[in-house]
Amino acid sequence: MLTRTVRHFLLLPGVFVGAMVFFYLGLWLTGITVDTARAQGLLMTPIETGSGAWWPSLDVPWPALFAEWRNFLAMLVVVIVTILLNAAGLELATQREVDLDRELQANGLASLVSGLGGGMVGYLSVSRSLLNVRAGAVSRAAGVWTAILCAATALLFTPLLFYFPAPSSPGS
């Protein structure tokens, strides 16, 4: 509701920070400690990797991977069609021309980098892009800053993630 009336690129980050403040204020008012909140499932818990390594193992069963070439080809076609459809939808929603060739190249490079880091194929999200536009972040800098924030969080600030409230309620 706020994005309909307030157009500022810091609105959504401010809402998240405010929610965190209210969450920890609620913990403090009820006398619940961070350890108790984590034990009750209110906070995210650290991921156990077993080996202690944070980088994925490169022990890949290559023959099994190459046997899936048809599925990879189908995925490639689906992703290309999805990128084109989403870009056209974003073009219609924002009334701004979209360079389809640039979108395909950018998504291809991003998916390649993501794959080399153990990530997944990605593509344009109409809803998130429109949310950025409505928040006033209309340049490509919004995506660059999001990538920097995600990479910094994953590589440098992972322990801080475990102070965020769990996305689902306890027992669900």
Protein backbone atom coordinates (compact mmCIF):
# COMPACT_ATOMS: atom_id res chain seq x y z
CA MET A 1 0.00 0.00 0.00
CA LEU A 2 2.86 2.38 0.75
CA THR A 3 4.35 2.03 -2.74
CA ARG A 4 1.13 3.45 -4.19
CA THR A 5 1.49 6.71 -2.25
CA VAL A 6 5.21 7.06 -1.53
CA ARG A 7 7.67 6.96 -4.43
CA HIS A 8 11.15 6.67 -3.02
CA PHE A 9 13.78 4.02 -3.67
CA LEU A 10 14.50 3.66 0.07
CA LEU A 11 10.88 2.90 0.98
CA LEU A 12 11.08 -0.90 0.79
CA PRO A 13 14.46 -1.17 2.54
CA GLY A 14 13.05 1.14 5.21
CA VAL A 15 10.02 -1.09 5.67
CA PHE A 16 12.30 -4.12 6.13
CA VAL A 17 14.48 -2.30 8.66
CA GLY A 18 11.36 -1.10 10.49
CA ALA A 19 9.99 -4.65 10.60
CA MET A 20 13.27 -5.88 12.10
CA VAL A 21 13.17 -3.13 14.73
CA PHE A 22 9.58 -4.06 15.66
CA PHE A 23 10.49 -7.77 15.77
CA TYR A 24 13.38 -7.23 18.17
CA LEU A 25 11.35 -4.72 20.17
CA GLY A 26 8.71 -7.44 20.55
CA LEU A 27 11.35 -9.93 21.69
CA TRP A 28 12.68 -7.43 24.22
CA LEU A 29 9.21 -6.55 25.56
CA THR A 30 8.30 -10.22 26.01
CA GLY A 31 11.66 -11.09 27.56
CA ILE A 32 12.57 -13.63 24.90
CA THR A 33 16.30 -13.95 24.26
CA VAL A 34 17.80 -14.45 20.82
CA ASP A 35 18.77 -18.04 21.70
CA THR A 36 15.23 -18.80 22.91
CA ALA A 37 13.75 -17.22 19.76
CA ARG A 38 16.05 -19.36 17.61
CA ALA A 39 15.10 -22.50 19.58
CA GLN A 40 11.39 -21.67 19.09
CA GLY A 41 11.92 -21.31 15.34
CA LEU A 42 11.39 -17.54 15.25
CA LEU A 43 14.86 -16.88 13.80
CA MET A 44 16.66 -18.47 10.89
CA THR A 45 19.09 -21.19 11.91
CA PRO A 46 22.60 -21.66 10.51
CA ILE A 47 22.99 -24.15 7.69
CA GLU A 48 25.08 -27.19 8.50
CA THR A 49 27.30 -28.14 5.55
CA GLY A 50 28.82 -31.21 7.17
CA SER A 51 32.31 -30.62 5.79
CA GLY A 52 32.48 -27.03 6.95
CA ALA A 53 33.13 -25.84 3.37
CA TRP A 54 30.85 -23.15 2.01
CA TRP A 55 31.77 -23.78 -1.64
CA PRO A 56 29.88 -26.58 -3.43
CA SER A 57 31.74 -29.77 -4.17
CA LEU A 58 33.09 -30.14 -7.72
CA ASP A 59 32.76 -33.92 -7.56
CA VAL A 60 30.26 -34.05 -10.44
CA PRO A 61 29.05 -37.26 -12.12
CA TRP A 62 29.82 -35.95 -15.64
CA PRO A 63 28.33 -38.89 -17.60
CA ALA A 64 24.99 -38.46 -15.81
CA LEU A 65 25.14 -34.72 -16.42
CA PHE A 66 25.83 -35.13 -20.15
CA ALA A 67 23.00 -37.67 -20.39
CA GLU A 68 20.60 -34.83 -19.54
CA TRP A 69 21.45 -32.74 -22.62
CA ARG A 70 17.87 -32.90 -23.92
CA ASN A 71 16.54 -31.45 -20.67
CA PHE A 72 19.16 -28.68 -20.76
CA LEU A 73 18.17 -27.86 -24.34
CA ALA A 74 14.49 -27.72 -23.37
CA MET A 75 15.36 -25.50 -20.41
CA LEU A 76 17.31 -23.19 -22.71
CA VAL A 77 14.32 -22.79 -25.05
CA VAL A 78 11.92 -22.19 -22.15
CA VAL A 79 14.22 -19.57 -20.59
CA ILE A 80 14.68 -17.73 -23.91
CA VAL A 81 10.93 -17.64 -24.54
CA THR A 82 10.30 -16.54 -20.94
CA ILE A 83 12.84 -13.72 -21.21
CA LEU A 84 11.25 -12.48 -24.43
CA LEU A 85 7.70 -12.67 -23.04
CA ASN A 86 8.64 -11.00 -19.75
CA ALA A 87 10.57 -8.25 -21.54
CA ALA A 88 7.59 -7.60 -23.82
CA GLY A 89 5.29 -7.54 -20.78
CA LEU A 90 7.57 -5.10 -18.99
CA GLU A 91 7.70 -2.95 -22.11
CA LEU A 92 3.90 -2.79 -22.18
CA ALA A 93 3.57 -2.14 -18.46
CA THR A 94 6.13 0.68 -18.34
CA GLN A 95 5.52 2.16 -21.81
CA ARG A 96 9.30 2.15 -22.33
CA GLU A 97 11.07 0.41 -25.19
CA VAL A 98 13.06 -2.69 -24.24
CA ASP A 99 16.09 -3.86 -26.24
CA LEU A 100 15.40 -7.60 -26.55
CA ASP A 101 18.90 -8.41 -27.79
CA ARG A 102 20.42 -6.64 -24.79
CA GLU A 103 18.05 -8.48 -22.42
CA LEU A 104 19.00 -11.86 -23.90
CA GLN A 105 22.72 -11.08 -23.69
CA ALA A 106 22.49 -9.75 -20.12
CA ASN A 107 20.45 -12.74 -18.96
CA GLY A 108 22.81 -15.16 -20.70
CA LEU A 109 25.86 -13.63 -19.05
CA ALA A 110 24.15 -13.49 -15.65
CA SER A 111 23.09 -17.14 -15.92
CA LEU A 112 26.60 -18.17 -16.94
CA VAL A 113 28.16 -16.37 -13.96
CA SER A 114 25.48 -17.76 -11.66
CA GLY A 115 26.05 -21.29 -12.95
CA LEU A 116 29.80 -21.05 -12.43
CA GLY A 117 29.10 -20.10 -8.82
CA GLY A 118 26.72 -23.01 -8.30
CA GLY A 119 23.57 -20.91 -8.81
CA MET A 120 20.51 -21.30 -10.98
CA VAL A 121 19.36 -19.95 -14.33
CA GLY A 122 17.72 -16.57 -13.94
CA TYR A 123 15.55 -14.31 -16.05
CA LEU A 124 13.65 -11.07 -15.97
CA SER A 125 10.95 -10.78 -13.32
CA VAL A 126 8.10 -8.52 -14.38
CA SER A 127 6.65 -8.17 -10.87
CA ARG A 128 9.99 -7.25 -9.25
CA SER A 129 10.85 -4.87 -12.06
CA LEU A 130 7.48 -3.15 -11.74
CA LEU A 131 7.96 -2.96 -7.97
CA ASN A 132 11.27 -1.16 -8.60
CA VAL A 133 9.61 1.22 -11.07
CA ARG A 134 6.81 1.99 -8.61
CA ALA A 135 9.38 2.59 -5.86
CA GLY A 136 11.14 5.12 -8.08
CA ALA A 137 14.20 3.01 -8.94
CA VAL A 138 13.96 3.28 -12.74
CA SER A 139 17.61 2.90 -13.76
CA ARG A 140 19.63 -0.28 -14.14
CA ALA A 141 21.58 0.79 -11.06
CA ALA A 142 18.85 -0.81 -8.93
CA GLY A 143 19.77 -4.24 -10.31
CA VAL A 144 23.48 -3.59 -9.91
CA TRP A 145 23.03 -2.53 -6.28
CA THR A 146 20.85 -5.58 -5.64
CA ALA A 147 23.56 -7.85 -7.05
CA ILE A 148 26.24 -6.15 -4.94
CA LEU A 149 24.10 -6.46 -1.81
CA CYS A 150 23.34 -10.13 -2.46
CA ALA A 151 26.99 -10.97 -3.18
CA ALA A 152 28.19 -9.06 -0.10
CA THR A 153 25.60 -10.80 2.04
CA ALA A 154 26.50 -14.24 0.71
CA LEU A 155 30.26 -13.78 0.88
CA LEU A 156 30.81 -11.45 3.83
CA PHE A 157 27.76 -11.17 6.02
CA THR A 158 26.27 -14.68 6.09
CA PRO A 159 26.32 -14.86 9.92
CA LEU A 160 24.06 -11.77 10.04
CA LEU A 161 21.35 -13.63 8.10
CA PHE A 162 20.71 -15.80 11.13
CA TYR A 163 19.40 -12.78 13.05
CA PHE A 164 16.56 -12.34 10.57
CA PRO A 165 13.13 -13.67 11.52
CA ALA A 166 12.27 -17.02 9.97
CA PRO A 167 10.06 -16.61 6.88
CA SER A 168 7.46 -19.09 8.14
CA SER A 169 5.75 -19.42 11.48
CA PRO A 170 6.97 -22.06 13.95
CA GLY A 171 5.49 -25.48 13.47
CA SER A 172 4.42 -24.90 9.87
